[in-house]
Amino acid sequence: MRIVFCGTPEFAVPSLERLAAEGGLAIAAVVTQPDRPRGRGQQVQSSPVKLKALELGLHVYQPEKLRSDSALDFFKRTAPDAVVIIAYGQIVPPALLEVAKFGWLNLHASLLPKFRGAAPIQWAIAEGETKTGVTVMRIDKGLDTGPTLSRVETAIGPDETAPELMRRLAELGAPLMADTLIKYARGEVHPVEQDHEHASFAPIIKKEHGRISWPHPAQKVYDRLRGLQPWPGAYTSFRGQVCHLWGRPASREKAASLGPAPEGTIGQAEQQVLAACGGRTWLVVEEVQLEGRKRVSARDFANGARLAPGERFGG
C-alpha cells in the first residue's frame, strides 16, 4: 500500500516513524512545509518531519503551496493509495482530495466534533476539560468536518500543560493511525459521520488570549495558564508593565483565611505571594517575569517591588 505522508511539527513525527516501520506500507514521499527562519536568531531550519524523513531515507517534497498546479501534478504522478496528513499547516484544496483511492486520513488531537480547528490541545486545557484524545478522520472540504474512523480517549492531568499533553497525544496517535489505515483499506473499519450539532471550535492562538481576566475563578486562570504554554503564556500588567505569571490555585482553606479582596489584589501570607481572583478564590503566584527582565520567584519579585498595601495586578 503506497502512501504519502504530510506533516510538519514534532507532533507528527511519532506517526511517521510508526508508519515507516509498518509492514505492508510503503511511504512514497513525505510532504512538509518549506525550510523557514525560526527562533530568535531567525536561522533557516528544516521542519521536524523533514529531519526525521531524511533520517529514514525517505523522499521529501516541500511545495510552497498545496494549492498549486505543481503540487497537484506531484500527487497525480505519485499516485498514492492513501494520504496521511497530520498538522501539515495548510488547507487541502478540493482537487487534491481525489488523488488517492482511500482519501486523506488526518490525525486530529481532540475527540471530534469537539475542538475542531487549529489549536485543539491548547483549548481543551484552557477550557477546563478533564479528558481529550485523538481521532482519525477522513478529510472532506470542511474544517475538520469529515467522517471519523477511530479514536482513543485519555484523561487530562490536573496540572498537565499543553506541551506535555501534546507529547502524550502524539504517542497515542501513532499506533492508532497505523492500525486504522490498514483496517480501513481492508474494509474492517467504516466512516461514521460526526454529530455537527455538538461541534466546538479551537481557533488559532493569539497573544491576547493569554491576558489574565482576574474576575475569573483561580481554577479558570490556572487552566488558561496551563493551556497557553509556551506561548503566549498567562500575562497581566503591573505598574504599567507586561507581567507574565506562573502559579496554581490556593486551597479552599487558604482562600478562606485570606477572605475577599478586589480582583487582582496582591496579597502575601506565610511566605507566599497571592492574587485575588473571582468567586473569592486566590491564585498562589509562584514565578513572575516582568517585561524585559528575567523570570524570578514570586518572593523575589515581591521583595524587589516593595509592594504597597492593596496593590493590584492588571490595574
Protein backbone atom coordinates (compact mmCIF):
# COMPACT_ATOMS: atom_id res chain seq x y z
CA MET A 1 0.00 0.00 0.00
CA ARG A 2 1.59 3.24 -1.18
CA ILE A 3 1.06 6.31 0.96
CA VAL A 4 2.15 9.92 1.03
CA PHE A 5 2.75 11.40 4.47
CA CYS A 6 2.08 15.12 5.01
CA GLY A 7 3.16 16.77 8.25
CA THR A 8 5.38 19.45 9.72
CA PRO A 9 5.84 19.75 13.52
CA GLU A 10 7.13 17.37 16.19
CA PHE A 11 3.57 16.19 16.85
CA ALA A 12 3.57 14.34 13.50
CA VAL A 13 6.94 12.61 13.94
CA PRO A 14 5.83 9.56 16.01
CA SER A 15 3.22 8.69 13.38
CA LEU A 16 5.77 9.00 10.57
CA GLU A 17 8.13 6.67 12.42
CA ARG A 18 5.39 4.14 13.08
CA LEU A 19 4.12 4.12 9.50
CA ALA A 20 7.66 3.78 8.14
CA ALA A 21 8.18 0.68 10.27
CA GLU A 22 4.82 -0.89 9.42
CA GLY A 23 4.91 -3.96 7.20
CA GLY A 24 2.68 -3.73 4.16
CA LEU A 25 3.05 0.04 3.84
CA ALA A 26 5.41 1.97 1.59
CA ILE A 27 5.88 5.71 2.08
CA ALA A 28 6.30 7.02 -1.45
CA ALA A 29 7.04 10.57 -0.29
CA VAL A 30 6.94 12.89 2.70
CA VAL A 31 5.41 16.33 2.12
CA THR A 32 6.31 19.07 4.58
CA GLN A 33 6.50 22.84 4.79
CA PRO A 34 9.49 24.62 3.21
CA ASP A 35 12.52 25.38 5.37
CA ARG A 36 11.88 28.68 7.16
CA PRO A 37 13.62 31.11 9.56
CA ARG A 38 12.85 30.11 13.15
CA GLY A 39 13.82 31.10 16.66
CA ARG A 40 15.44 34.24 17.99
CA GLY A 41 18.29 34.09 15.52
CA GLN A 42 15.89 33.55 12.61
CA GLN A 43 18.13 30.89 11.14
CA VAL A 44 16.62 28.82 8.35
CA GLN A 45 15.64 25.43 9.73
CA SER A 46 14.02 22.27 8.43
CA SER A 47 10.82 21.01 10.00
CA PRO A 48 10.98 18.12 12.49
CA VAL A 49 9.14 15.94 9.96
CA LYS A 50 11.70 16.67 7.25
CA LEU A 51 14.59 15.85 9.57
CA LYS A 52 13.01 12.53 10.52
CA ALA A 53 12.16 11.72 6.89
CA LEU A 54 15.76 12.27 5.80
CA GLU A 55 16.94 10.13 8.70
CA LEU A 56 14.64 7.36 7.47
CA GLY A 57 15.87 7.75 3.89
CA LEU A 58 12.51 8.94 2.54
CA HIS A 59 11.89 11.26 -0.40
CA VAL A 60 10.89 14.77 0.73
CA TYR A 61 8.77 17.24 -1.23
CA GLN A 62 8.34 20.82 0.04
CA PRO A 63 5.85 22.83 -2.02
CA GLU A 64 5.31 26.45 -1.11
CA LYS A 65 1.57 25.88 -1.52
CA LEU A 66 -0.58 22.77 -1.86
CA ARG A 67 -2.99 24.86 -3.91
CA SER A 68 -0.76 24.90 -6.99
CA ASP A 69 -0.52 23.11 -10.33
CA SER A 70 2.89 21.71 -9.42
CA ALA A 71 1.60 20.17 -6.18
CA LEU A 72 -1.39 18.63 -8.00
CA ASP A 73 0.95 17.21 -10.65
CA PHE A 74 3.22 15.75 -7.93
CA PHE A 75 0.36 13.90 -6.24
CA LYS A 76 -1.02 12.62 -9.53
CA ARG A 77 2.39 11.30 -10.56
CA THR A 78 2.99 9.72 -7.16
CA ALA A 79 -0.48 8.09 -7.25
CA PRO A 80 -0.75 7.10 -3.58
CA ASP A 81 -3.39 4.69 -2.31
CA ALA A 82 -3.86 6.98 0.69
CA VAL A 83 -2.52 10.23 2.08
CA VAL A 84 -1.88 10.62 5.80
CA ILE A 85 -1.87 14.25 6.93
CA ILE A 86 -1.01 15.37 10.46
CA ALA A 87 -0.56 19.03 11.45
CA TYR A 88 0.71 19.92 8.00
CA GLY A 89 -0.16 23.61 8.24
CA GLN A 90 -2.17 24.23 5.06
CA ILE A 91 -5.74 23.59 3.94
CA VAL A 92 -6.00 20.78 1.40
CA PRO A 93 -7.62 22.08 -1.83
CA PRO A 94 -10.60 20.06 -3.14
CA ALA A 95 -8.74 18.97 -6.28
CA LEU A 96 -6.19 17.06 -4.18
CA LEU A 97 -8.81 15.17 -2.18
CA GLU A 98 -9.49 12.98 -5.21
CA VAL A 99 -5.92 11.78 -5.87
CA ALA A 100 -5.94 8.78 -3.51
CA LYS A 101 -8.23 5.74 -3.55
CA PHE A 102 -8.71 5.75 0.22
CA GLY A 103 -8.61 9.53 0.54
CA TRP A 104 -6.77 11.72 3.02
CA LEU A 105 -6.67 10.48 6.61
CA ASN A 106 -6.00 13.01 9.34
CA LEU A 107 -4.98 12.52 12.97
CA HIS A 108 -6.76 15.27 14.90
CA ALA A 109 -5.82 15.98 18.53
CA SER A 110 -9.32 16.07 20.01
CA LEU A 111 -12.42 13.95 20.38
CA LEU A 112 -14.24 15.23 17.32
CA PRO A 113 -16.57 17.02 16.91
CA LYS A 114 -15.22 18.84 19.98
CA PHE A 115 -12.44 21.34 19.37
CA ARG A 116 -12.29 21.45 15.61
CA GLY A 117 -9.63 23.84 14.36
CA ALA A 118 -6.02 24.82 14.74
CA ALA A 119 -5.33 24.52 18.48
CA PRO A 120 -7.39 21.68 20.00
CA ILE A 121 -4.82 20.69 22.63
CA GLN A 122 -4.38 24.20 23.98
CA TRP A 123 -8.10 24.95 24.12
CA ALA A 124 -9.05 21.64 25.71
CA ILE A 125 -6.85 22.53 28.68
CA ALA A 126 -7.69 26.23 28.66
CA GLU A 127 -11.41 25.45 28.76
CA GLY A 128 -11.03 23.14 31.74
CA GLU A 129 -11.70 19.82 30.02
CA THR A 130 -10.80 16.73 32.03
CA LYS A 131 -10.49 14.38 29.07
CA THR A 132 -9.49 14.58 25.43
CA GLY A 133 -7.97 12.24 22.86
CA VAL A 134 -7.04 11.71 19.24
CA THR A 135 -9.35 10.99 16.32
CA VAL A 136 -8.59 9.60 12.88
CA MET A 137 -10.91 11.15 10.32
CA ARG A 138 -11.20 11.24 6.55
CA ILE A 139 -10.80 14.79 5.31
CA ASP A 140 -13.58 16.43 3.35
CA LYS A 141 -14.00 20.01 2.11
CA GLY A 142 -14.91 21.39 5.55
CA LEU A 143 -12.80 22.28 8.58
CA ASP A 144 -12.40 19.00 10.50
CA THR A 145 -15.93 18.02 9.47
CA GLY A 146 -15.18 14.71 7.75
CA PRO A 147 -16.35 11.29 8.94
CA THR A 148 -14.37 9.66 11.74
CA LEU A 149 -12.77 6.22 11.62
CA SER A 150 -11.36 5.68 15.12
CA ARG A 151 -10.40 7.45 18.33
CA VAL A 152 -8.69 7.00 21.66
CA GLU A 153 -9.58 8.87 24.85
CA THR A 154 -7.27 9.94 27.65
CA ALA A 155 -7.63 11.92 30.86
CA ILE A 156 -6.04 15.36 31.11
CA GLY A 157 -3.89 15.59 34.21
CA PRO A 158 -4.93 18.32 36.69
CA ASP A 159 -1.55 20.02 36.30
CA GLU A 160 -0.76 18.96 32.72
CA THR A 161 0.40 21.67 30.33
CA ALA A 162 -0.18 21.91 26.59
CA PRO A 163 3.36 20.77 25.63
CA GLU A 164 3.09 17.77 27.96
CA LEU A 165 -0.31 16.75 26.62
CA MET A 166 0.86 17.27 23.05
CA ARG A 167 3.69 14.77 23.53
CA ARG A 168 1.32 12.19 25.01
CA LEU A 169 -1.25 12.57 22.26
CA ALA A 170 1.42 12.27 19.57
CA GLU A 171 2.48 8.91 21.03
CA LEU A 172 -1.13 7.76 21.43
CA GLY A 173 -1.94 8.72 17.86
CA ALA A 174 0.92 6.91 16.12
CA PRO A 175 -0.31 3.33 16.60
CA LEU A 176 -3.91 4.45 16.15
CA MET A 177 -3.18 5.93 12.75
CA ALA A 178 -1.22 2.90 11.53
CA ASP A 179 -3.84 0.42 12.73
CA THR A 180 -6.75 2.46 11.36
CA LEU A 181 -5.16 2.95 7.95
CA ILE A 182 -4.57 -0.77 7.47
CA LYS A 183 -8.02 -1.79 8.71
CA TYR A 184 -9.72 0.90 6.62
CA ALA A 185 -8.01 -0.36 3.48
CA ARG A 186 -9.20 -3.89 4.33
CA GLY A 187 -12.76 -2.71 4.88
CA GLU A 188 -12.63 -3.58 8.58
CA VAL A 189 -13.48 -0.05 9.81
CA HIS A 190 -16.10 2.27 8.34
CA PRO A 191 -16.54 6.06 8.36
CA VAL A 192 -19.00 7.49 10.88
CA GLU A 193 -20.49 10.94 10.29
CA GLN A 194 -19.84 13.50 13.00
CA ASP A 195 -22.65 15.00 15.06
CA HIS A 196 -22.23 18.54 13.77
CA GLU A 197 -24.72 19.99 16.27
CA HIS A 198 -22.26 19.23 19.09
CA ALA A 199 -19.22 20.75 17.41
CA SER A 200 -16.99 23.24 19.20
CA PHE A 201 -14.03 25.17 17.85
CA ALA A 202 -10.40 25.71 18.77
CA PRO A 203 -9.21 28.83 16.93
CA ILE A 204 -5.62 29.84 16.28
CA ILE A 205 -3.98 31.05 19.50
CA LYS A 206 -3.41 34.81 19.58
CA LYS A 207 -1.40 36.87 22.03
CA GLU A 208 -4.49 38.45 23.55
CA HIS A 209 -5.78 35.03 24.61
CA GLY A 210 -3.08 34.97 27.29
CA ARG A 211 -4.25 38.08 29.13
CA ILE A 212 -5.49 37.10 32.58
CA SER A 213 -9.06 38.06 33.43
CA TRP A 214 -9.00 38.46 37.20
CA PRO A 215 -12.80 38.19 37.58
CA HIS A 216 -12.41 34.53 36.56
CA PRO A 217 -12.06 31.98 39.38
CA ALA A 218 -8.50 30.89 40.15
CA GLN A 219 -9.03 27.46 38.59
CA LYS A 220 -10.02 29.01 35.25
CA VAL A 221 -6.98 31.30 35.39
CA TYR A 222 -4.85 28.22 36.07
CA ASP A 223 -6.42 26.33 33.16
CA ARG A 224 -5.52 29.20 30.82
CA LEU A 225 -2.02 29.31 32.26
CA ARG A 226 -1.52 25.57 31.57
CA GLY A 227 -3.20 25.58 28.18
CA LEU A 228 -1.44 28.57 26.70
CA GLN A 229 2.10 27.35 27.32
CA PRO A 230 4.65 28.02 25.94
CA TRP A 231 3.09 30.95 24.04
CA PRO A 232 1.58 33.39 24.77
CA GLY A 233 1.56 32.21 28.38
CA ALA A 234 -0.54 33.93 31.04
CA TYR A 235 0.15 37.61 31.50
CA THR A 236 -1.22 40.71 33.16
CA SER A 237 0.16 44.16 33.93
CA PHE A 238 1.99 45.53 36.95
CA ARG A 239 2.77 49.22 37.32
CA GLY A 240 2.22 49.68 33.59
CA GLN A 241 4.49 46.82 32.50
CA VAL A 242 3.56 43.48 30.94
CA CYS A 243 3.97 40.81 33.56
CA HIS A 244 3.92 37.03 32.96
CA LEU A 245 2.81 34.84 35.84
CA TRP A 246 3.08 31.18 36.82
CA GLY A 247 1.20 29.66 39.71
CA ARG A 248 -1.70 27.49 40.87
CA PRO A 249 -5.00 27.88 42.75
CA ALA A 250 -4.80 28.32 46.50
CA SER A 251 -6.54 25.71 48.62
CA ARG A 252 -10.04 26.47 49.89
CA GLU A 253 -8.64 26.80 53.40
CA LYS A 254 -6.02 29.29 52.28
CA ALA A 255 -8.56 31.31 50.28
CA ALA A 256 -10.96 31.37 53.24
CA SER A 257 -8.22 32.60 55.55
CA LEU A 258 -7.44 35.49 53.20
CA GLY A 259 -11.07 36.46 52.70
CA PRO A 260 -12.46 38.53 49.81
CA ALA A 261 -10.48 41.26 48.05
CA PRO A 262 -10.79 43.28 44.83
CA GLU A 263 -9.86 41.11 41.86
CA GLY A 264 -6.17 41.32 41.01
CA THR A 265 -5.17 42.42 44.52
CA ILE A 266 -1.74 41.14 45.51
CA GLY A 267 -1.59 39.55 48.93
CA GLN A 268 1.18 37.96 50.99
CA ALA A 269 0.78 35.22 53.58
CA GLU A 270 3.13 32.62 55.05
CA GLN A 271 5.95 33.47 52.62
CA GLN A 272 3.58 33.15 49.65
CA VAL A 273 2.52 35.76 47.11
CA LEU A 274 -1.12 35.50 46.03
CA ALA A 275 -3.50 37.27 43.66
CA ALA A 276 -7.23 37.66 44.25
CA CYS A 277 -9.49 36.10 41.61
CA GLY A 278 -13.23 35.92 41.08
CA GLY A 279 -15.53 33.95 43.36
CA ARG A 280 -13.43 34.71 46.45
CA THR A 281 -10.64 32.47 45.14
CA TRP A 282 -6.92 33.16 45.14
CA LEU A 283 -4.03 32.23 42.85
CA VAL A 284 -0.74 31.31 44.51
CA VAL A 285 1.82 33.13 42.35
CA GLU A 286 4.99 31.06 42.07
CA GLU A 287 7.05 32.90 39.47
CA VAL A 288 6.96 36.30 37.78
CA GLN A 289 8.63 37.78 34.72
CA LEU A 290 8.37 41.50 34.18
CA GLU A 291 8.77 42.86 30.67
CA GLY A 292 12.45 42.85 29.67
CA ARG A 293 13.59 41.06 32.83
CA LYS A 294 14.41 37.54 33.94
CA ARG A 295 11.89 35.08 35.34
CA VAL A 296 12.17 35.09 39.14
CA SER A 297 10.42 33.58 42.13
CA ALA A 298 7.32 35.40 43.35
CA ARG A 299 9.05 36.08 46.67
CA ASP A 300 12.00 37.76 44.92
CA PHE A 301 9.55 39.77 42.84
CA ALA A 302 7.67 40.94 45.94
CA ASN A 303 10.87 41.86 47.77
CA GLY A 304 12.18 43.83 44.80
CA ALA A 305 8.90 45.58 44.09
CA ARG A 306 8.29 46.61 47.75
CA LEU A 307 4.59 46.10 47.31
CA ALA A 308 2.24 48.70 48.75
CA PRO A 309 -0.90 47.53 50.62
CA GLY A 310 -3.77 46.90 48.21
CA GLU A 311 -1.56 46.96 45.08
CA ARG A 312 -3.03 45.05 42.17
CA PHE A 313 -2.16 43.13 39.03
CA GLY A 314 -3.94 44.32 35.93
CA GLY A 315 -4.92 47.65 37.42
